[in-house]
C-alpha atoms as a PDB file:
ATOM      1  CA  MET A   1      37.716  26.405  69.509  1.00  0.00           C
ATOM      2  CA  LYS A   2      39.761  28.616  71.766  1.00  0.00           C
ATOM      3  CA  GLY A   3      40.897  31.940  70.411  1.00  0.00           C
ATOM      4  CA  ARG A   4      40.357  33.249  66.954  1.00  0.00           C
ATOM      5  CA  THR A   5      40.459  30.600  64.245  1.00  0.00           C
ATOM      6  CA  LYS A   6      42.650  31.648  61.339  1.00  0.00           C
ATOM      7  CA  LEU A   7      42.180  30.604  57.768  1.00  0.00           C
ATOM      8  CA  THR A   8      44.825  29.760  55.293  1.00  0.00           C
ATOM      9  CA  LEU A   9      43.530  30.733  51.890  1.00  0.00           C
ATOM     10  CA  LEU A  10      44.970  29.365  48.727  1.00  0.00           C
ATOM     11  CA  LEU A  11      43.707  30.882  45.528  1.00  0.00           C
ATOM     12  CA  LEU A  12      43.605  27.938  43.121  1.00  0.00           C
ATOM     13  CA  ALA A  13      42.537  29.661  39.922  1.00  0.00           C
ATOM     14  CA  LEU A  14      40.469  32.603  38.908  1.00  0.00           C
ATOM     15  CA  CYS A  15      38.789  32.080  35.577  1.00  0.00           C
ATOM     16  CA  SER A  16      41.686  29.894  34.421  1.00  0.00           C
ATOM     17  CA  SER A  17      43.239  32.506  32.137  1.00  0.00           C
ATOM     18  CA  ALA A  18      42.242  35.720  33.890  1.00  0.00           C
ATOM     19  CA  PHE A  19      44.633  35.198  36.788  1.00  0.00           C
ATOM     20  CA  SER A  20      48.070  34.608  35.353  1.00  0.00           C
ATOM     21  CA  ALA A  21      50.166  36.693  37.733  1.00  0.00           C
ATOM     22  CA  GLN A  22      49.493  36.234  41.444  1.00  0.00           C
ATOM     23  CA  GLU A  23      51.051  39.588  42.259  1.00  0.00           C
ATOM     24  CA  SER A  24      48.225  41.331  40.394  1.00  0.00           C
ATOM     25  CA  LYS A  25      46.185  43.585  42.660  1.00  0.00           C
ATOM     26  CA  THR A  26      43.024  43.360  40.553  1.00  0.00           C
ATOM     27  CA  VAL A  27      41.505  40.404  38.729  1.00  0.00           C
ATOM     28  CA  VAL A  28      39.066  41.284  35.930  1.00  0.00           C
ATOM     29  CA  VAL A  29      36.136  38.909  35.408  1.00  0.00           C
ATOM     30  CA  HIS A  30      32.972  38.876  33.314  1.00  0.00           C
ATOM     31  CA  PRO A  31      29.521  37.262  33.593  1.00  0.00           C
ATOM     32  CA  GLY A  32      29.793  33.496  33.299  1.00  0.00           C
ATOM     33  CA  ASP A  33      33.351  33.340  34.667  1.00  0.00           C
ATOM     34  CA  VAL A  34      33.844  30.992  37.610  1.00  0.00           C
ATOM     35  CA  LEU A  35      36.136  31.790  40.546  1.00  0.00           C
ATOM     36  CA  HIS A  36      37.606  28.784  42.400  1.00  0.00           C
ATOM     37  CA  PHE A  37      39.056  28.918  45.913  1.00  0.00           C
ATOM     38  CA  GLN A  38      40.588  26.338  48.217  1.00  0.00           C
ATOM     39  CA  VAL A  39      39.915  27.403  51.799  1.00  0.00           C
ATOM     40  CA  SER A  40      41.733  25.602  54.610  1.00  0.00           C
ATOM     41  CA  PHE A  41      41.560  25.930  58.351  1.00  0.00           C
ATOM     42  CA  LYS A  42      44.992  25.814  59.935  1.00  0.00           C
ATOM     43  CA  PRO A  43      45.757  22.329  61.290  1.00  0.00           C
ATOM     44  CA  GLY A  44      45.428  22.160  65.063  1.00  0.00           C
ATOM     45  CA  SER A  45      43.020  25.111  65.177  1.00  0.00           C
ATOM     46  CA  GLY A  46      40.344  22.997  66.847  1.00  0.00           C
ATOM     47  CA  THR A  47      38.054  23.066  63.825  1.00  0.00           C
ATOM     48  CA  ASP A  48      38.220  19.367  62.909  1.00  0.00           C
ATOM     49  CA  GLY A  49      34.658  18.294  62.177  1.00  0.00           C
ATOM     50  CA  VAL A  50      33.168  21.586  63.409  1.00  0.00           C
ATOM     51  CA  PHE A  51      32.260  23.044  60.024  1.00  0.00           C
ATOM     52  CA  GLN A  52      30.143  21.116  57.535  1.00  0.00           C
ATOM     53  CA  SER A  53      29.964  23.547  54.611  1.00  0.00           C
ATOM     54  CA  MET A  54      31.186  26.867  53.291  1.00  0.00           C
ATOM     55  CA  ASN A  55      30.338  29.354  50.558  1.00  0.00           C
ATOM     56  CA  ALA A  56      31.803  32.510  49.056  1.00  0.00           C
ATOM     57  CA  THR A  57      30.128  35.884  48.603  1.00  0.00           C
ATOM     58  CA  LEU A  58      31.184  38.733  46.339  1.00  0.00           C
ATOM     59  CA  SER A  59      29.942  42.209  47.235  1.00  0.00           C
ATOM     60  CA  THR A  60      30.714  45.747  46.145  1.00  0.00           C
ATOM     61  CA  GLN A  61      30.211  49.241  47.469  1.00  0.00           C
ATOM     62  CA  THR A  62      30.680  50.686  43.971  1.00  0.00           C
ATOM     63  CA  PRO A  63      27.667  52.881  43.112  1.00  0.00           C
ATOM     64  CA  LEU A  64      25.303  51.264  40.631  1.00  0.00           C
ATOM     65  CA  ARG A  65      25.607  52.681  37.117  1.00  0.00           C
ATOM     66  CA  ALA A  66      22.446  54.354  35.824  1.00  0.00           C
ATOM     67  CA  ASP A  67      22.415  52.013  32.816  1.00  0.00           C
ATOM     68  CA  GLN A  68      22.589  48.865  34.996  1.00  0.00           C
ATOM     69  CA  PHE A  69      19.335  49.329  36.873  1.00  0.00           C
ATOM     70  CA  GLY A  70      18.351  46.219  38.823  1.00  0.00           C
ATOM     71  CA  PHE A  71      21.748  44.524  38.467  1.00  0.00           C
ATOM     72  CA  GLU A  72      23.100  42.530  41.417  1.00  0.00           C
ATOM     73  CA  ARG A  73      25.828  44.018  43.668  1.00  0.00           C
ATOM     74  CA  SER A  74      26.152  41.038  46.015  1.00  0.00           C
ATOM     75  CA  PHE A  75      25.941  37.349  45.154  1.00  0.00           C
ATOM     76  CA  LYS A  76      26.825  33.982  46.668  1.00  0.00           C
ATOM     77  CA  GLY A  77      28.218  30.756  45.369  1.00  0.00           C
ATOM     78  CA  PRO A  78      26.712  27.366  46.156  1.00  0.00           C
ATOM     79  CA  MET A  79      27.452  25.586  49.423  1.00  0.00           C
ATOM     80  CA  ALA A  80      30.601  23.499  49.298  1.00  0.00           C
ATOM     81  CA  GLY A  81      31.086  20.497  51.503  1.00  0.00           C
ATOM     82  CA  THR A  82      34.351  18.738  52.085  1.00  0.00           C
ATOM     83  CA  GLU A  83      35.509  15.274  51.176  1.00  0.00           C
ATOM     84  CA  LEU A  84      37.774  15.066  54.207  1.00  0.00           C
ATOM     85  CA  ASP A  85      36.554  13.686  57.524  1.00  0.00           C
ATOM     86  CA  GLU A  86      38.245  16.512  59.388  1.00  0.00           C
ATOM     87  CA  ALA A  87      36.280  19.179  57.425  1.00  0.00           C
ATOM     88  CA  ILE A  88      39.217  21.558  57.386  1.00  0.00           C
ATOM     89  CA  VAL A  89      39.548  22.010  53.594  1.00  0.00           C
ATOM     90  CA  PHE A  90      36.766  23.354  51.363  1.00  0.00           C
ATOM     91  CA  PHE A  91      36.726  23.841  47.591  1.00  0.00           C
ATOM     92  CA  VAL A  92      34.525  26.867  47.028  1.00  0.00           C
ATOM     93  CA  LYS A  93      33.400  28.375  43.752  1.00  0.00           C
ATOM     94  CA  ILE A  94      31.283  31.287  42.636  1.00  0.00           C
ATOM     95  CA  THR A  95      29.953  32.068  39.160  1.00  0.00           C
ATOM     96  CA  ILE A  96      29.644  35.699  38.074  1.00  0.00           C
ATOM     97  CA  PRO A  97      25.932  36.107  37.243  1.00  0.00           C
ATOM     98  CA  GLU A  98      24.671  37.506  33.937  1.00  0.00           C
ATOM     99  CA  PHE A  99      23.330  40.625  35.637  1.00  0.00           C
ATOM    100  CA  ALA A 100      26.279  41.394  37.928  1.00  0.00           C
ATOM    101  CA  ALA A 101      26.860  45.134  38.219  1.00  0.00           C
ATOM    102  CA  ASP A 102      30.191  46.634  37.231  1.00  0.00           C
ATOM    103  CA  GLY A 103      32.475  47.308  40.176  1.00  0.00           C
ATOM    104  CA  ASP A 104      35.307  46.263  42.442  1.00  0.00           C
ATOM    105  CA  TYR A 105      34.179  43.352  44.624  1.00  0.00           C
ATOM    106  CA  ASP A 106      35.460  41.989  47.924  1.00  0.00           C
ATOM    107  CA  VAL A 107      35.339  38.263  48.676  1.00  0.00           C
ATOM    108  CA  SER A 108      34.085  36.822  51.951  1.00  0.00           C
ATOM    109  CA  PHE A 109      33.695  33.221  53.074  1.00  0.00           C
ATOM    110  CA  THR A 110      31.078  31.852  55.465  1.00  0.00           C
ATOM    111  CA  ALA A 111      31.721  28.564  57.298  1.00  0.00           C
ATOM    112  CA  TYR A 112      28.634  26.734  58.614  1.00  0.00           C
ATOM    113  CA  GLY A 113      28.515  24.273  61.496  1.00  0.00           C
ATOM    114  CA  SER A 114      26.164  21.311  61.781  1.00  0.00           C
ATOM    115  CA  ASP A 115      23.674  23.620  63.526  1.00  0.00           C
ATOM    116  CA  PRO A 116      22.439  26.135  60.898  1.00  0.00           C
ATOM    117  CA  ASN A 117      22.568  28.904  63.515  1.00  0.00           C
ATOM    118  CA  PHE A 118      26.332  28.478  63.913  1.00  0.00           C
ATOM    119  CA  LYS A 119      28.339  30.259  61.247  1.00  0.00           C
ATOM    120  CA  ILE A 120      31.495  32.336  61.008  1.00  0.00           C
ATOM    121  CA  VAL A 121      32.238  34.949  58.335  1.00  0.00           C
ATOM    122  CA  TYR A 122      35.782  35.578  57.112  1.00  0.00           C
ATOM    123  CA  ASP A 123      36.414  38.790  55.168  1.00  0.00           C
ATOM    124  CA  ALA A 124      38.824  41.727  54.966  1.00  0.00           C
ATOM    125  CA  SER A 125      37.946  42.765  58.537  1.00  0.00           C
ATOM    126  CA  THR A 126      39.166  39.361  59.784  1.00  0.00           C
ATOM    127  CA  GLY A 127      42.397  39.361  57.787  1.00  0.00           C
ATOM    128  CA  VAL A 128      41.322  37.721  54.515  1.00  0.00           C
ATOM    129  CA  THR A 129      43.331  39.491  51.845  1.00  0.00           C
ATOM    130  CA  LEU A 130      42.798  38.583  48.209  1.00  0.00           C
ATOM    131  CA  PRO A 131      43.162  40.596  45.019  1.00  0.00           C
ATOM    132  CA  THR A 132      40.233  42.870  44.229  1.00  0.00           C
ATOM    133  CA  ILE A 133      37.782  41.210  41.853  1.00  0.00           C
ATOM    134  CA  ARG A 134      36.687  43.695  39.172  1.00  0.00           C
ATOM    135  CA  VAL A 135      33.488  42.740  37.394  1.00  0.00           C
ATOM    136  CA  GLU A 136      33.106  44.209  33.918  1.00  0.00           C
ATOM    137  CA  ASN A 137      29.695  43.705  32.353  1.00  0.00           C
ATOM    138  CA  ARG A 138      28.718  45.089  28.943  1.00  0.00           C
ATOM    139  CA  LEU A 139      25.007  44.511  29.539  1.00  0.00           C
ATOM    140  CA  THR A 140      22.865  47.551  30.198  1.00  0.00           C
ATOM    141  CA  PHE A 141      19.290  48.130  31.242  1.00  0.00           C
ATOM    142  CA  GLN A 142      17.588  51.476  31.701  1.00  0.00           C
ATOM    143  CA  ARG A 143      14.972  51.841  34.396  1.00  0.00           C
ATOM    144  CA  PRO A 144      11.647  51.774  32.554  1.00  0.00           C
ATOM    145  CA  GLU A 145       9.076  54.407  33.383  1.00  0.00           C
ATOM    146  CA  ILE A 146       5.711  53.292  34.675  1.00  0.00           C
ATOM    147  CA  VAL A 147       2.286  54.900  34.713  1.00  0.00           C
ATOM    148  CA  VAL A 148       0.111  54.417  37.775  1.00  0.00           C
ATOM    149  CA  VAL A 149      -3.589  55.169  37.561  1.00  0.00           C
ATOM    150  CA  ARG A 150      -5.694  55.043  40.679  1.00  0.00           C
ATOM    151  CA  LYS A 151      -8.950  53.275  40.018  1.00  0.00           C
ATOM    152  CA  LYS A 152     -12.115  54.277  41.799  1.00  0.00           C
ATOM    153  CA  THR A 153     -12.634  52.136  44.880  1.00  0.00           C
ATOM    154  CA  THR A 154     -16.084  50.642  45.349  1.00  0.00           C
ATOM    155  CA  GLN A 155     -17.523  50.318  48.819  1.00  0.00           C
ATOM    156  CA  LEU A 156     -19.166  47.116  49.899  1.00  0.00           C
ATOM    157  CA  ALA A 157     -22.756  47.370  51.045  1.00  0.00           C
ATOM    158  CA  ASP A 158     -23.447  47.304  54.759  1.00  0.00           C
ATOM    159  CA  PRO A 159     -23.732  43.752  56.007  1.00  0.00           C
ATOM    160  CA  ILE A 160     -27.191  42.522  56.910  1.00  0.00           C
ATOM    161  CA  HIS A 161     -27.730  42.052  60.632  1.00  0.00           C
END
């Protein structure tokens, strides 16, 4: 694996109907929608058989809305293996969770080797450029107030010697 391995990303489909024009700069999704990606290592990049699995992560820096307390701002899809012996093509998916916070999300991909300590992350800083994923969620939840009452602490008796 000499040099920096480059990925060729092919966006298969985003929520089947949500992504009709590939020149769109933002794709709007909602809880329950599933994003599908085909991620390929360039042939001859020295990655044949190196990576066993891959997953996708969506994360946002958008501030959490006050009425979406506790909602998730970063979530991962399940691990995807490959059906090819060379392990250079992965079919990755991620489902938008019910409690995903509103915001503009970036996609990253993590490739895992046979040793769980060997992994490589591909994101915008490594040249992965995909349309922004905008999550719109109508669910709301206000932070509930709590009441804390300190109870009197009882001391244990001195131990018998």
